[in-house]
Amino acid sequence: MLEDLLQIDRQVFVYLNNLGSPGWDGLWMFITNKWSSIPLYILLLILVYRSFGLKKTLLLLVSIALLITVSDQLSNFFKIGVGRLRPCYDPDLLELIRLVKASCGGKYGYFSAHASNSFAIAVFFAHLFRKSYKILVWILVIWALVVAYSRIYVGVHFPLDILSGALAGTFMGWLFYRLFMLTLRRISL
């Protein structure tokens, strides 16, 4: 049963990865680069500051730093614990895939930290701004989906790595949002 699921995951990966073309590689490399999201982060910071003021913004920055740390380290824990090879290290797939990145990254890929972190941020801020900036919620979800898919496009994660990372990030984003709001109520900044 598990081996059947993993085989389907490999097949879906090969299909999706091979949809790419050299003309689009630069765009997807830009999207998968962690620094490409800085304009979005700056926008979110400005919106938080305008909505909550300096003290709450500082508390939010601490919350986001903890969120990303937990999300990222949980991903590393699973990568080492599960030990599933990235597609670019899978000897059965080497001739079938497009590795767009110059390097593959670490040996193991389950689950994707990019997917987990982007969904954690998206869900946290989607909850935070769901009433005041409704269009931002959709922008954040689309951004997280695009960042997550970029990992398949460049050849470094299977779809199940992405799905698991997205689910973990969604939970972490919700949890840290709840903790942030609880903290705000308790310390009344």
C-alpha atoms as a PDB file:
ATOM      1  CA  MET A   1       0.000   0.000   0.000  1.00  0.00           C
ATOM      2  CA  LEU A   2       2.683   2.534   1.011  1.00  0.00           C
ATOM      3  CA  GLU A   3       4.935   1.465  -1.843  1.00  0.00           C
ATOM      4  CA  ASP A   4       2.028   1.919  -4.272  1.00  0.00           C
ATOM      5  CA  LEU A   5       1.450   5.435  -2.954  1.00  0.00           C
ATOM      6  CA  LEU A   6       5.158   6.267  -3.260  1.00  0.00           C
ATOM      7  CA  GLN A   7       5.205   4.929  -6.823  1.00  0.00           C
ATOM      8  CA  ILE A   8       2.246   7.138  -7.756  1.00  0.00           C
ATOM      9  CA  ASP A   9       4.047  10.046  -6.093  1.00  0.00           C
ATOM     10  CA  ARG A  10       7.135   9.374  -8.259  1.00  0.00           C
ATOM     11  CA  GLN A  11       5.028   9.203 -11.416  1.00  0.00           C
ATOM     12  CA  VAL A  12       3.181  12.436 -10.633  1.00  0.00           C
ATOM     13  CA  PHE A  13       6.506  14.093  -9.855  1.00  0.00           C
ATOM     14  CA  VAL A  14       8.041  13.028 -13.186  1.00  0.00           C
ATOM     15  CA  TYR A  15       4.963  14.282 -15.043  1.00  0.00           C
ATOM     16  CA  LEU A  16       4.840  17.658 -13.277  1.00  0.00           C
ATOM     17  CA  ASN A  17       8.595  18.171 -13.365  1.00  0.00           C
ATOM     18  CA  ASN A  18       8.716  17.496 -17.097  1.00  0.00           C
ATOM     19  CA  LEU A  19       6.031  20.097 -17.816  1.00  0.00           C
ATOM     20  CA  GLY A  20       8.765  22.691 -17.408  1.00  0.00           C
ATOM     21  CA  SER A  21      10.801  24.193 -20.193  1.00  0.00           C
ATOM     22  CA  PRO A  22      14.079  26.145 -20.331  1.00  0.00           C
ATOM     23  CA  GLY A  23      12.180  29.334 -21.165  1.00  0.00           C
ATOM     24  CA  TRP A  24      10.425  29.239 -17.785  1.00  0.00           C
ATOM     25  CA  ASP A  25      13.335  27.949 -15.689  1.00  0.00           C
ATOM     26  CA  GLY A  26      14.566  31.419 -14.715  1.00  0.00           C
ATOM     27  CA  LEU A  27      11.162  32.451 -13.392  1.00  0.00           C
ATOM     28  CA  TRP A  28      10.799  29.286 -11.311  1.00  0.00           C
ATOM     29  CA  MET A  29      14.337  29.615  -9.976  1.00  0.00           C
ATOM     30  CA  PHE A  30      13.456  33.161  -8.902  1.00  0.00           C
ATOM     31  CA  ILE A  31      10.243  31.959  -7.222  1.00  0.00           C
ATOM     32  CA  THR A  32      11.970  29.120  -5.371  1.00  0.00           C
ATOM     33  CA  ASN A  33      14.681  31.460  -4.065  1.00  0.00           C
ATOM     34  CA  LYS A  34      13.889  32.403  -0.466  1.00  0.00           C
ATOM     35  CA  TRP A  35      14.931  36.030  -1.075  1.00  0.00           C
ATOM     36  CA  SER A  36      12.282  36.547  -3.782  1.00  0.00           C
ATOM     37  CA  SER A  37       9.577  36.830  -1.112  1.00  0.00           C
ATOM     38  CA  ILE A  38      11.151  39.828   0.621  1.00  0.00           C
ATOM     39  CA  PRO A  39       8.776  42.348  -1.053  1.00  0.00           C
ATOM     40  CA  LEU A  40       5.811  40.365   0.281  1.00  0.00           C
ATOM     41  CA  TYR A  41       7.361  40.272   3.758  1.00  0.00           C
ATOM     42  CA  ILE A  42       7.922  44.038   3.660  1.00  0.00           C
ATOM     43  CA  LEU A  43       4.294  44.575   2.628  1.00  0.00           C
ATOM     44  CA  LEU A  44       3.113  42.363   5.489  1.00  0.00           C
ATOM     45  CA  LEU A  45       5.339  44.225   7.945  1.00  0.00           C
ATOM     46  CA  ILE A  46       3.944  47.586   6.796  1.00  0.00           C
ATOM     47  CA  LEU A  47       0.361  46.322   7.112  1.00  0.00           C
ATOM     48  CA  VAL A  48       1.054  44.929  10.590  1.00  0.00           C
ATOM     49  CA  TYR A  49       2.637  48.182  11.731  1.00  0.00           C
ATOM     50  CA  ARG A  50      -0.251  50.249  10.334  1.00  0.00           C
ATOM     51  CA  SER A  51      -2.824  47.932  11.918  1.00  0.00           C
ATOM     52  CA  PHE A  52      -1.217  47.223  15.296  1.00  0.00           C
ATOM     53  CA  GLY A  53       1.474  49.794  16.090  1.00  0.00           C
ATOM     54  CA  LEU A  54       5.097  49.321  17.089  1.00  0.00           C
ATOM     55  CA  LYS A  55       4.850  47.193  20.263  1.00  0.00           C
ATOM     56  CA  LYS A  56       2.478  44.641  18.744  1.00  0.00           C
ATOM     57  CA  THR A  57       4.564  44.574  15.560  1.00  0.00           C
ATOM     58  CA  LEU A  58       7.657  43.712  17.599  1.00  0.00           C
ATOM     59  CA  LEU A  59       5.744  40.920  19.344  1.00  0.00           C
ATOM     60  CA  LEU A  60       4.536  39.707  15.951  1.00  0.00           C
ATOM     61  CA  LEU A  61       8.120  39.639  14.608  1.00  0.00           C
ATOM     62  CA  VAL A  62       9.162  37.454  17.550  1.00  0.00           C
ATOM     63  CA  SER A  63       6.165  35.188  16.889  1.00  0.00           C
ATOM     64  CA  ILE A  64       7.037  34.873  13.187  1.00  0.00           C
ATOM     65  CA  ALA A  65      10.697  34.160  13.985  1.00  0.00           C
ATOM     66  CA  LEU A  66       9.604  31.364  16.331  1.00  0.00           C
ATOM     67  CA  LEU A  67       7.076  30.086  13.778  1.00  0.00           C
ATOM     68  CA  ILE A  68       9.685  29.812  11.021  1.00  0.00           C
ATOM     69  CA  THR A  69      12.230  28.251  13.377  1.00  0.00           C
ATOM     70  CA  VAL A  70       9.770  25.584  14.546  1.00  0.00           C
ATOM     71  CA  SER A  71       8.465  24.928  11.022  1.00  0.00           C
ATOM     72  CA  ASP A  72      11.937  24.686   9.550  1.00  0.00           C
ATOM     73  CA  GLN A  73      13.357  22.478  12.310  1.00  0.00           C
ATOM     74  CA  LEU A  74      10.337  20.175  12.236  1.00  0.00           C
ATOM     75  CA  SER A  75      10.999  19.697   8.534  1.00  0.00           C
ATOM     76  CA  ASN A  76      14.647  18.854   9.246  1.00  0.00           C
ATOM     77  CA  PHE A  77      13.572  16.409  11.956  1.00  0.00           C
ATOM     78  CA  PHE A  78      11.313  14.587   9.492  1.00  0.00           C
ATOM     79  CA  LYS A  79      13.905  14.657   6.706  1.00  0.00           C
ATOM     80  CA  ILE A  80      16.426  12.881   8.919  1.00  0.00           C
ATOM     81  CA  GLY A  81      13.850  10.643  10.609  1.00  0.00           C
ATOM     82  CA  VAL A  82      12.065   9.481   7.450  1.00  0.00           C
ATOM     83  CA  GLY A  83      15.142   9.427   5.244  1.00  0.00           C
ATOM     84  CA  ARG A  84      13.323   9.642   1.910  1.00  0.00           C
ATOM     85  CA  LEU A  85      15.684  10.563  -0.889  1.00  0.00           C
ATOM     86  CA  ARG A  86      14.998  13.715  -2.861  1.00  0.00           C
ATOM     87  CA  PRO A  87      14.012  12.948  -6.468  1.00  0.00           C
ATOM     88  CA  CYS A  88      17.353  14.292  -7.690  1.00  0.00           C
ATOM     89  CA  TYR A  89      19.131  11.625  -5.596  1.00  0.00           C
ATOM     90  CA  ASP A  90      16.811   8.777  -6.575  1.00  0.00           C
ATOM     91  CA  PRO A  91      18.851   6.600  -8.972  1.00  0.00           C
ATOM     92  CA  ASP A  92      15.683   5.307 -10.669  1.00  0.00           C
ATOM     93  CA  LEU A  93      14.670   8.841 -11.663  1.00  0.00           C
ATOM     94  CA  LEU A  94      17.941  10.460 -12.716  1.00  0.00           C
ATOM     95  CA  GLU A  95      17.329   9.988 -16.431  1.00  0.00           C
ATOM     96  CA  LEU A  96      13.660  10.983 -16.197  1.00  0.00           C
ATOM     97  CA  ILE A  97      13.742  14.349 -14.460  1.00  0.00           C
ATOM     98  CA  ARG A  98      14.784  17.927 -15.069  1.00  0.00           C
ATOM     99  CA  LEU A  99      17.025  19.227 -12.301  1.00  0.00           C
ATOM    100  CA  VAL A 100      16.835  22.976 -12.823  1.00  0.00           C
ATOM    101  CA  LYS A 101      18.840  23.948  -9.745  1.00  0.00           C
ATOM    102  CA  ALA A 102      22.626  23.827  -9.848  1.00  0.00           C
ATOM    103  CA  SER A 103      22.569  21.699  -6.705  1.00  0.00           C
ATOM    104  CA  CYS A 104      20.024  19.344  -5.302  1.00  0.00           C
ATOM    105  CA  GLY A 105      20.292  20.313  -1.641  1.00  0.00           C
ATOM    106  CA  GLY A 106      20.427  17.858   1.232  1.00  0.00           C
ATOM    107  CA  LYS A 107      20.085  14.161   0.542  1.00  0.00           C
ATOM    108  CA  TYR A 108      16.617  13.801   2.080  1.00  0.00           C
ATOM    109  CA  GLY A 109      13.478  15.720   1.199  1.00  0.00           C
ATOM    110  CA  TYR A 110      10.492  14.605   3.276  1.00  0.00           C
ATOM    111  CA  PHE A 111       8.967  17.078   3.982  1.00  0.00           C
ATOM    112  CA  SER A 112       9.570  20.345   2.165  1.00  0.00           C
ATOM    113  CA  ALA A 113      10.664  23.214   4.410  1.00  0.00           C
ATOM    114  CA  HIS A 114       9.844  25.680   1.607  1.00  0.00           C
ATOM    115  CA  ALA A 115       6.248  24.410   1.522  1.00  0.00           C
ATOM    116  CA  SER A 116       5.978  24.291   5.296  1.00  0.00           C
ATOM    117  CA  ASN A 117       7.403  27.762   5.856  1.00  0.00           C
ATOM    118  CA  SER A 118       5.430  29.454   3.078  1.00  0.00           C
ATOM    119  CA  PHE A 119       2.146  27.897   4.217  1.00  0.00           C
ATOM    120  CA  ALA A 120       2.921  28.731   7.853  1.00  0.00           C
ATOM    121  CA  ILE A 121       3.410  32.397   6.971  1.00  0.00           C
ATOM    122  CA  ALA A 122       0.410  32.440   4.630  1.00  0.00           C
ATOM    123  CA  VAL A 123      -1.948  30.894   7.170  1.00  0.00           C
ATOM    124  CA  PHE A 124      -0.709  33.058  10.048  1.00  0.00           C
ATOM    125  CA  PHE A 125      -1.222  36.289   8.122  1.00  0.00           C
ATOM    126  CA  ALA A 126      -4.412  35.085   6.440  1.00  0.00           C
ATOM    127  CA  HIS A 127      -5.938  34.656   9.893  1.00  0.00           C
ATOM    128  CA  LEU A 128      -4.515  37.960  11.073  1.00  0.00           C
ATOM    129  CA  PHE A 129      -5.876  39.962   8.119  1.00  0.00           C
ATOM    130  CA  ARG A 130      -8.941  37.939   7.120  1.00  0.00           C
ATOM    131  CA  LYS A 131     -11.336  40.749   8.047  1.00  0.00           C
ATOM    132  CA  SER A 132      -9.348  43.832   7.099  1.00  0.00           C
ATOM    133  CA  TYR A 133      -7.518  42.766   3.914  1.00  0.00           C
ATOM    134  CA  LYS A 134      -9.605  39.967   2.392  1.00  0.00           C
ATOM    135  CA  ILE A 135      -7.824  39.995  -0.984  1.00  0.00           C
ATOM    136  CA  LEU A 136      -4.531  39.504   0.840  1.00  0.00           C
ATOM    137  CA  VAL A 137      -5.752  36.114   2.069  1.00  0.00           C
ATOM    138  CA  TRP A 138      -6.049  34.896  -1.531  1.00  0.00           C
ATOM    139  CA  ILE A 139      -2.725  36.429  -2.499  1.00  0.00           C
ATOM    140  CA  LEU A 140      -1.021  34.626   0.393  1.00  0.00           C
ATOM    141  CA  VAL A 141      -2.598  31.266  -0.458  1.00  0.00           C
ATOM    142  CA  ILE A 142      -1.645  31.581  -4.135  1.00  0.00           C
ATOM    143  CA  TRP A 143       1.880  32.668  -3.156  1.00  0.00           C
ATOM    144  CA  ALA A 144       2.285  29.631  -0.859  1.00  0.00           C
ATOM    145  CA  LEU A 145       0.994  27.272  -3.572  1.00  0.00           C
ATOM    146  CA  VAL A 146       3.338  28.739  -6.194  1.00  0.00           C
ATOM    147  CA  VAL A 147       6.369  28.575  -3.882  1.00  0.00           C
ATOM    148  CA  ALA A 148       5.511  24.980  -2.988  1.00  0.00           C
ATOM    149  CA  TYR A 149       5.056  23.951  -6.642  1.00  0.00           C
ATOM    150  CA  SER A 150       8.378  25.578  -7.538  1.00  0.00           C
ATOM    151  CA  ARG A 151      10.119  22.837  -5.566  1.00  0.00           C
ATOM    152  CA  ILE A 152       8.656  20.201  -7.886  1.00  0.00           C
ATOM    153  CA  TYR A 153       9.450  22.288 -10.958  1.00  0.00           C
ATOM    154  CA  VAL A 154      13.128  22.661 -10.053  1.00  0.00           C
ATOM    155  CA  GLY A 155      13.366  18.931  -9.305  1.00  0.00           C
ATOM    156  CA  VAL A 156      14.060  18.763  -5.569  1.00  0.00           C
ATOM    157  CA  HIS A 157      10.784  17.557  -3.978  1.00  0.00           C
ATOM    158  CA  PHE A 158       8.105  14.972  -4.623  1.00  0.00           C
ATOM    159  CA  PRO A 159       4.428  16.028  -4.467  1.00  0.00           C
ATOM    160  CA  LEU A 160       3.957  14.202  -1.142  1.00  0.00           C
ATOM    161  CA  ASP A 161       6.897  16.188   0.283  1.00  0.00           C
ATOM    162  CA  ILE A 162       5.045  19.338  -0.756  1.00  0.00           C
ATOM    163  CA  LEU A 163       1.629  18.218   0.472  1.00  0.00           C
ATOM    164  CA  SER A 164       3.015  17.125   3.845  1.00  0.00           C
ATOM    165  CA  GLY A 165       4.962  20.371   4.190  1.00  0.00           C
ATOM    166  CA  ALA A 166       1.871  22.399   3.305  1.00  0.00           C
ATOM    167  CA  LEU A 167      -0.221  20.553   5.890  1.00  0.00           C
ATOM    168  CA  ALA A 168       2.441  20.939   8.585  1.00  0.00           C
ATOM    169  CA  GLY A 169       2.844  24.628   7.750  1.00  0.00           C
ATOM    170  CA  THR A 170      -0.920  25.178   7.769  1.00  0.00           C
ATOM    171  CA  PHE A 171      -1.157  23.700  11.245  1.00  0.00           C
ATOM    172  CA  MET A 172       1.861  25.661  12.502  1.00  0.00           C
ATOM    173  CA  GLY A 173       0.544  28.923  11.039  1.00  0.00           C
ATOM    174  CA  TRP A 174      -2.829  28.409  12.719  1.00  0.00           C
ATOM    175  CA  LEU A 175      -1.232  27.388  16.035  1.00  0.00           C
ATOM    176  CA  PHE A 176       1.151  30.338  16.162  1.00  0.00           C
ATOM    177  CA  TYR A 177      -1.627  32.741  15.176  1.00  0.00           C
ATOM    178  CA  ARG A 178      -3.704  31.451  18.098  1.00  0.00           C
ATOM    179  CA  LEU A 179      -0.708  31.779  20.462  1.00  0.00           C
ATOM    180  CA  PHE A 180      -0.017  35.308  19.183  1.00  0.00           C
ATOM    181  CA  MET A 181      -3.612  36.395  19.767  1.00  0.00           C
ATOM    182  CA  LEU A 182      -3.669  34.758  23.205  1.00  0.00           C
ATOM    183  CA  THR A 183      -0.453  36.575  24.108  1.00  0.00           C
ATOM    184  CA  LEU A 184      -1.893  39.898  22.918  1.00  0.00           C
ATOM    185  CA  ARG A 185      -4.933  39.435  25.158  1.00  0.00           C
ATOM    186  CA  ARG A 186      -2.849  38.503  28.184  1.00  0.00           C
ATOM    187  CA  ILE A 187      -0.214  41.215  28.069  1.00  0.00           C
ATOM    188  CA  SER A 188      -2.409  44.019  26.658  1.00  0.00           C
ATOM    189  CA  LEU A 189       0.140  46.012  24.695  1.00  0.00           C
END
